[in-house]
Amino acid sequence: MDWTDLIDTAFEASGNSSKANQAEAVRAVEATVIDGEKPVASTAGRHPDHFRKGVLVLTTHRLLFLKDGKPPVPVPLAAVTDVTVTRTKLNGEVLLVVALSGSHRFEDVAKAEFFAEQLRASARAARNAPKAGPAATPVEASAGEQLIGQLERLAALRASGALTEDEFTRAKQRLIG
């Protein structure tokens, strides 16, 4: 599957048949592709701040939200700590993605459970992937130091109001194991 197929599928699920919007979304994603990044899955969903649906694109490195030709909103998979799906009468299936960078909510998500499973698996793979290349430092931080840093970031997110107490507790439990 390539980027065009992935985005076309998501636009179809969103009910948006505009070829111009699809082409713009493909260009936006291709312009921000990271070395080695491959498409995994896509679906349609709505960000709470938007009325119309956008496209959720899952890659091997990130979750992207595309809307009306705007630059994609990225969520790095290595930072994802929790993914849940709930159902409401007003907003349909709601996908909540908790990451070290904050909490992201998407409403009226098509096939949310299936997409959430793919997102969880991709996030696990991203967290467990060995760090390689020029970005790797000769002296890696110990696992304990990394855990402390992640817990400190979670606490800062909770203190800033980006995470609720419940989201913080779930994310902390995932980190600790």
C-alpha atoms as a PDB file:
ATOM      1  CA  MET A   1       0.000   0.000   0.000  1.00  0.00           C
ATOM      2  CA  ASP A   2       1.327   3.462  -0.840  1.00  0.00           C
ATOM      3  CA  TRP A   3       0.453   6.918   0.518  1.00  0.00           C
ATOM      4  CA  THR A   4      -2.104   7.646  -2.197  1.00  0.00           C
ATOM      5  CA  ASP A   5      -4.020   4.387  -1.624  1.00  0.00           C
ATOM      6  CA  LEU A   6      -4.005   4.947   2.129  1.00  0.00           C
ATOM      7  CA  ILE A   7      -5.337   8.497   1.930  1.00  0.00           C
ATOM      8  CA  ASP A   8      -7.893   7.658  -0.789  1.00  0.00           C
ATOM      9  CA  THR A   9      -9.307   4.932   1.462  1.00  0.00           C
ATOM     10  CA  ALA A  10      -9.631   7.327   4.402  1.00  0.00           C
ATOM     11  CA  PHE A  11     -11.253  10.039   2.284  1.00  0.00           C
ATOM     12  CA  GLU A  12     -13.724   7.461   0.998  1.00  0.00           C
ATOM     13  CA  ALA A  13     -14.591   6.524   4.600  1.00  0.00           C
ATOM     14  CA  SER A  14     -15.050  10.193   5.478  1.00  0.00           C
ATOM     15  CA  GLY A  15     -17.467  10.747   2.618  1.00  0.00           C
ATOM     16  CA  ASN A  16     -15.204  13.417   1.111  1.00  0.00           C
ATOM     17  CA  SER A  17     -14.890  12.711  -2.617  1.00  0.00           C
ATOM     18  CA  SER A  18     -12.948  15.881  -3.481  1.00  0.00           C
ATOM     19  CA  LYS A  19      -9.979  14.814  -5.613  1.00  0.00           C
ATOM     20  CA  ALA A  20      -8.343  18.194  -4.944  1.00  0.00           C
ATOM     21  CA  ASN A  21      -8.498  17.610  -1.165  1.00  0.00           C
ATOM     22  CA  GLN A  22      -7.153  14.074  -1.596  1.00  0.00           C
ATOM     23  CA  ALA A  23      -4.262  15.251  -3.761  1.00  0.00           C
ATOM     24  CA  GLU A  24      -3.446  18.046  -1.278  1.00  0.00           C
ATOM     25  CA  ALA A  25      -3.455  15.540   1.608  1.00  0.00           C
ATOM     26  CA  VAL A  26      -1.090  13.217  -0.265  1.00  0.00           C
ATOM     27  CA  ARG A  27       1.268  16.141  -0.993  1.00  0.00           C
ATOM     28  CA  ALA A  28       1.148  17.277   2.665  1.00  0.00           C
ATOM     29  CA  VAL A  29       2.041  13.806   3.929  1.00  0.00           C
ATOM     30  CA  GLU A  30       4.724  13.130   1.338  1.00  0.00           C
ATOM     31  CA  ALA A  31       6.361  16.476   2.160  1.00  0.00           C
ATOM     32  CA  THR A  32       6.799  15.459   5.799  1.00  0.00           C
ATOM     33  CA  VAL A  33       7.744  11.771   5.403  1.00  0.00           C
ATOM     34  CA  ILE A  34      10.580  10.676   7.681  1.00  0.00           C
ATOM     35  CA  ASP A  35      13.352   8.405   6.318  1.00  0.00           C
ATOM     36  CA  GLY A  36      12.128   4.818   6.437  1.00  0.00           C
ATOM     37  CA  GLU A  37       8.539   5.792   7.263  1.00  0.00           C
ATOM     38  CA  LYS A  38       5.897   3.555   5.662  1.00  0.00           C
ATOM     39  CA  PRO A  39       2.085   3.792   5.598  1.00  0.00           C
ATOM     40  CA  VAL A  40       0.241   1.370   7.892  1.00  0.00           C
ATOM     41  CA  ALA A  41      -3.463   2.254   8.031  1.00  0.00           C
ATOM     42  CA  SER A  42      -5.947   5.077   7.690  1.00  0.00           C
ATOM     43  CA  THR A  43      -9.471   5.959   8.690  1.00  0.00           C
ATOM     44  CA  ALA A  44     -11.775   8.927   8.904  1.00  0.00           C
ATOM     45  CA  GLY A  45     -12.493  10.906  12.050  1.00  0.00           C
ATOM     46  CA  ARG A  46     -13.296  14.345  13.341  1.00  0.00           C
ATOM     47  CA  HIS A  47     -11.232  16.460  15.670  1.00  0.00           C
ATOM     48  CA  PRO A  48     -13.470  18.081  18.335  1.00  0.00           C
ATOM     49  CA  ASP A  49     -12.467  21.535  17.056  1.00  0.00           C
ATOM     50  CA  HIS A  50     -13.699  20.794  13.514  1.00  0.00           C
ATOM     51  CA  PHE A  51     -17.177  20.147  12.155  1.00  0.00           C
ATOM     52  CA  ARG A  52     -16.212  18.093   9.095  1.00  0.00           C
ATOM     53  CA  LYS A  53     -14.299  14.851   9.159  1.00  0.00           C
ATOM     54  CA  GLY A  54     -10.616  14.644   8.447  1.00  0.00           C
ATOM     55  CA  VAL A  55      -8.255  11.762   7.839  1.00  0.00           C
ATOM     56  CA  LEU A  56      -6.245   9.820  10.415  1.00  0.00           C
ATOM     57  CA  VAL A  57      -3.129   8.274   8.870  1.00  0.00           C
ATOM     58  CA  LEU A  58      -1.064   5.746  10.814  1.00  0.00           C
ATOM     59  CA  THR A  59       2.535   5.251   9.725  1.00  0.00           C
ATOM     60  CA  THR A  60       5.400   3.237  11.124  1.00  0.00           C
ATOM     61  CA  HIS A  61       6.567   6.386  12.971  1.00  0.00           C
ATOM     62  CA  ARG A  62       3.580   8.669  13.601  1.00  0.00           C
ATOM     63  CA  LEU A  63      -0.146   9.195  13.749  1.00  0.00           C
ATOM     64  CA  LEU A  64      -1.151  12.102  11.478  1.00  0.00           C
ATOM     65  CA  PHE A  65      -4.410  14.040  11.356  1.00  0.00           C
ATOM     66  CA  LEU A  66      -5.091  15.707   8.008  1.00  0.00           C
ATOM     67  CA  LYS A  67      -7.792  18.300   7.495  1.00  0.00           C
ATOM     68  CA  ASP A  68      -8.585  20.573   4.543  1.00  0.00           C
ATOM     69  CA  GLY A  69      -5.045  20.806   3.141  1.00  0.00           C
ATOM     70  CA  LYS A  70      -3.562  22.053   6.413  1.00  0.00           C
ATOM     71  CA  PRO A  71      -0.176  20.705   7.566  1.00  0.00           C
ATOM     72  CA  PRO A  72      -0.584  17.321   9.267  1.00  0.00           C
ATOM     73  CA  VAL A  73      -0.821  17.233  13.049  1.00  0.00           C
ATOM     74  CA  PRO A  74       1.739  14.551  14.067  1.00  0.00           C
ATOM     75  CA  VAL A  75       1.771  12.346  17.166  1.00  0.00           C
ATOM     76  CA  PRO A  76       5.045  10.352  17.441  1.00  0.00           C
ATOM     77  CA  LEU A  77       4.241   6.669  18.076  1.00  0.00           C
ATOM     78  CA  ALA A  78       7.142   6.209  20.489  1.00  0.00           C
ATOM     79  CA  ALA A  79       5.424   8.763  22.763  1.00  0.00           C
ATOM     80  CA  VAL A  80       1.991   7.050  22.750  1.00  0.00           C
ATOM     81  CA  THR A  81       1.196   5.633  26.191  1.00  0.00           C
ATOM     82  CA  ASP A  82      -2.513   4.780  25.922  1.00  0.00           C
ATOM     83  CA  VAL A  83      -5.166   4.287  23.248  1.00  0.00           C
ATOM     84  CA  THR A  84      -8.841   3.865  24.162  1.00  0.00           C
ATOM     85  CA  VAL A  85     -12.118   3.753  22.274  1.00  0.00           C
ATOM     86  CA  THR A  86     -15.472   4.730  23.759  1.00  0.00           C
ATOM     87  CA  ARG A  87     -18.889   5.144  22.189  1.00  0.00           C
ATOM     88  CA  THR A  88     -21.227   8.056  22.768  1.00  0.00           C
ATOM     89  CA  LYS A  89     -24.628   8.816  21.274  1.00  0.00           C
ATOM     90  CA  LEU A  90     -23.584  12.290  20.193  1.00  0.00           C
ATOM     91  CA  ASN A  91     -20.016  11.696  18.952  1.00  0.00           C
ATOM     92  CA  GLY A  92     -20.080   8.052  17.803  1.00  0.00           C
ATOM     93  CA  GLU A  93     -16.895   6.100  18.361  1.00  0.00           C
ATOM     94  CA  VAL A  94     -14.331   8.272  20.151  1.00  0.00           C
ATOM     95  CA  LEU A  95     -10.615   7.500  19.874  1.00  0.00           C
ATOM     96  CA  LEU A  96      -8.486   8.910  22.701  1.00  0.00           C
ATOM     97  CA  VAL A  97      -4.728   8.823  22.187  1.00  0.00           C
ATOM     98  CA  VAL A  98      -2.609   9.721  25.211  1.00  0.00           C
ATOM     99  CA  ALA A  99       1.008  10.557  24.430  1.00  0.00           C
ATOM    100  CA  LEU A 100       3.852  12.202  26.269  1.00  0.00           C
ATOM    101  CA  SER A 101       3.131  15.228  24.079  1.00  0.00           C
ATOM    102  CA  GLY A 102      -0.488  15.462  25.272  1.00  0.00           C
ATOM    103  CA  SER A 103      -3.917  13.950  24.860  1.00  0.00           C
ATOM    104  CA  HIS A 104      -5.580  13.756  21.427  1.00  0.00           C
ATOM    105  CA  ARG A 105      -9.305  13.083  20.945  1.00  0.00           C
ATOM    106  CA  PHE A 106     -10.930  12.132  17.653  1.00  0.00           C
ATOM    107  CA  GLU A 107     -14.697  11.682  17.335  1.00  0.00           C
ATOM    108  CA  ASP A 108     -16.946   9.774  14.934  1.00  0.00           C
ATOM    109  CA  VAL A 109     -14.009   7.550  13.948  1.00  0.00           C
ATOM    110  CA  ALA A 110     -14.758   4.919  11.300  1.00  0.00           C
ATOM    111  CA  LYS A 111     -13.790   1.399  12.448  1.00  0.00           C
ATOM    112  CA  ALA A 112     -12.269   2.854  15.618  1.00  0.00           C
ATOM    113  CA  GLU A 113     -11.579  -0.439  17.431  1.00  0.00           C
ATOM    114  CA  PHE A 114      -9.707  -1.927  14.487  1.00  0.00           C
ATOM    115  CA  PHE A 115      -7.731   1.282  13.976  1.00  0.00           C
ATOM    116  CA  ALA A 116      -6.965   1.473  17.726  1.00  0.00           C
ATOM    117  CA  GLU A 117      -5.533  -2.072  17.673  1.00  0.00           C
ATOM    118  CA  GLN A 118      -3.284  -1.165  14.755  1.00  0.00           C
ATOM    119  CA  LEU A 119      -2.248   2.023  16.558  1.00  0.00           C
ATOM    120  CA  ARG A 120      -1.405   0.127  19.767  1.00  0.00           C
ATOM    121  CA  ALA A 121       0.672  -2.444  17.867  1.00  0.00           C
ATOM    122  CA  SER A 122       2.532   0.244  15.899  1.00  0.00           C
ATOM    123  CA  ALA A 123       3.193   2.251  19.086  1.00  0.00           C
ATOM    124  CA  ARG A 124       4.609  -0.855  20.812  1.00  0.00           C
ATOM    125  CA  ALA A 125       6.848  -1.542  17.809  1.00  0.00           C
ATOM    126  CA  ALA A 126       8.028   2.096  17.740  1.00  0.00           C
ATOM    127  CA  ARG A 127       8.848   2.070  21.469  1.00  0.00           C
ATOM    128  CA  ASN A 128      10.733  -1.235  21.163  1.00  0.00           C
ATOM    129  CA  ALA A 129      12.632  -0.309  17.985  1.00  0.00           C
ATOM    130  CA  PRO A 130      16.375  -0.005  18.539  1.00  0.00           C
ATOM    131  CA  LYS A 131      17.733   3.508  18.245  1.00  0.00           C
ATOM    132  CA  ALA A 132      20.243   3.635  15.404  1.00  0.00           C
ATOM    133  CA  GLY A 133      22.032   6.071  13.149  1.00  0.00           C
ATOM    134  CA  PRO A 134      23.603   9.437  13.901  1.00  0.00           C
ATOM    135  CA  ALA A 135      20.925  10.359  16.450  1.00  0.00           C
ATOM    136  CA  ALA A 136      22.075   7.569  18.791  1.00  0.00           C
ATOM    137  CA  THR A 137      24.549   8.647  21.435  1.00  0.00           C
ATOM    138  CA  PRO A 138      27.529   6.495  22.413  1.00  0.00           C
ATOM    139  CA  VAL A 139      26.435   6.484  26.033  1.00  0.00           C
ATOM    140  CA  GLU A 140      22.715   5.727  26.210  1.00  0.00           C
ATOM    141  CA  ALA A 141      20.782   6.754  29.295  1.00  0.00           C
ATOM    142  CA  SER A 142      19.994   3.854  31.577  1.00  0.00           C
ATOM    143  CA  ALA A 143      16.493   2.381  31.519  1.00  0.00           C
ATOM    144  CA  GLY A 144      15.878   3.834  34.987  1.00  0.00           C
ATOM    145  CA  GLU A 145      16.848   7.342  33.874  1.00  0.00           C
ATOM    146  CA  GLN A 146      14.601   7.065  30.811  1.00  0.00           C
ATOM    147  CA  LEU A 147      11.664   5.926  32.951  1.00  0.00           C
ATOM    148  CA  ILE A 148      12.185   8.792  35.400  1.00  0.00           C
ATOM    149  CA  GLY A 149      12.276  11.275  32.497  1.00  0.00           C
ATOM    150  CA  GLN A 150       9.054   9.876  31.054  1.00  0.00           C
ATOM    151  CA  LEU A 151       7.333   9.976  34.448  1.00  0.00           C
ATOM    152  CA  GLU A 152       8.453  13.583  34.955  1.00  0.00           C
ATOM    153  CA  ARG A 153       6.986  14.535  31.548  1.00  0.00           C
ATOM    154  CA  LEU A 154       3.698  12.824  32.459  1.00  0.00           C
ATOM    155  CA  ALA A 155       3.586  14.686  35.764  1.00  0.00           C
ATOM    156  CA  ALA A 156       4.204  17.978  33.953  1.00  0.00           C
ATOM    157  CA  LEU A 157       1.374  17.221  31.517  1.00  0.00           C
ATOM    158  CA  ARG A 158      -0.946  16.457  34.425  1.00  0.00           C
ATOM    159  CA  ALA A 159       0.090  19.650  36.236  1.00  0.00           C
ATOM    160  CA  SER A 160      -0.531  21.730  33.098  1.00  0.00           C
ATOM    161  CA  GLY A 161      -4.002  20.230  32.681  1.00  0.00           C
ATOM    162  CA  ALA A 162      -3.173  18.411  29.425  1.00  0.00           C
ATOM    163  CA  LEU A 163      -3.899  15.079  31.157  1.00  0.00           C
ATOM    164  CA  THR A 164      -6.670  14.251  33.584  1.00  0.00           C
ATOM    165  CA  GLU A 165      -5.852  12.325  36.747  1.00  0.00           C
ATOM    166  CA  ASP A 166      -7.299   9.155  35.184  1.00  0.00           C
ATOM    167  CA  GLU A 167      -5.283   9.576  31.958  1.00  0.00           C
ATOM    168  CA  PHE A 168      -2.147  10.226  34.003  1.00  0.00           C
ATOM    169  CA  THR A 169      -2.708   7.081  36.096  1.00  0.00           C
ATOM    170  CA  ARG A 170      -3.263   4.878  33.039  1.00  0.00           C
ATOM    171  CA  ALA A 171      -0.211   6.296  31.241  1.00  0.00           C
ATOM    172  CA  LYS A 172       1.931   5.848  34.355  1.00  0.00           C
ATOM    173  CA  GLN A 173       0.798   2.243  34.760  1.00  0.00           C
ATOM    174  CA  ARG A 174       1.681   1.531  31.117  1.00  0.00           C
ATOM    175  CA  LEU A 175       5.173   2.957  31.624  1.00  0.00           C
ATOM    176  CA  ILE A 176       5.833   1.065  34.831  1.00  0.00           C
ATOM    177  CA  GLY A 177       4.409  -2.150  33.425  1.00  0.00           C
END
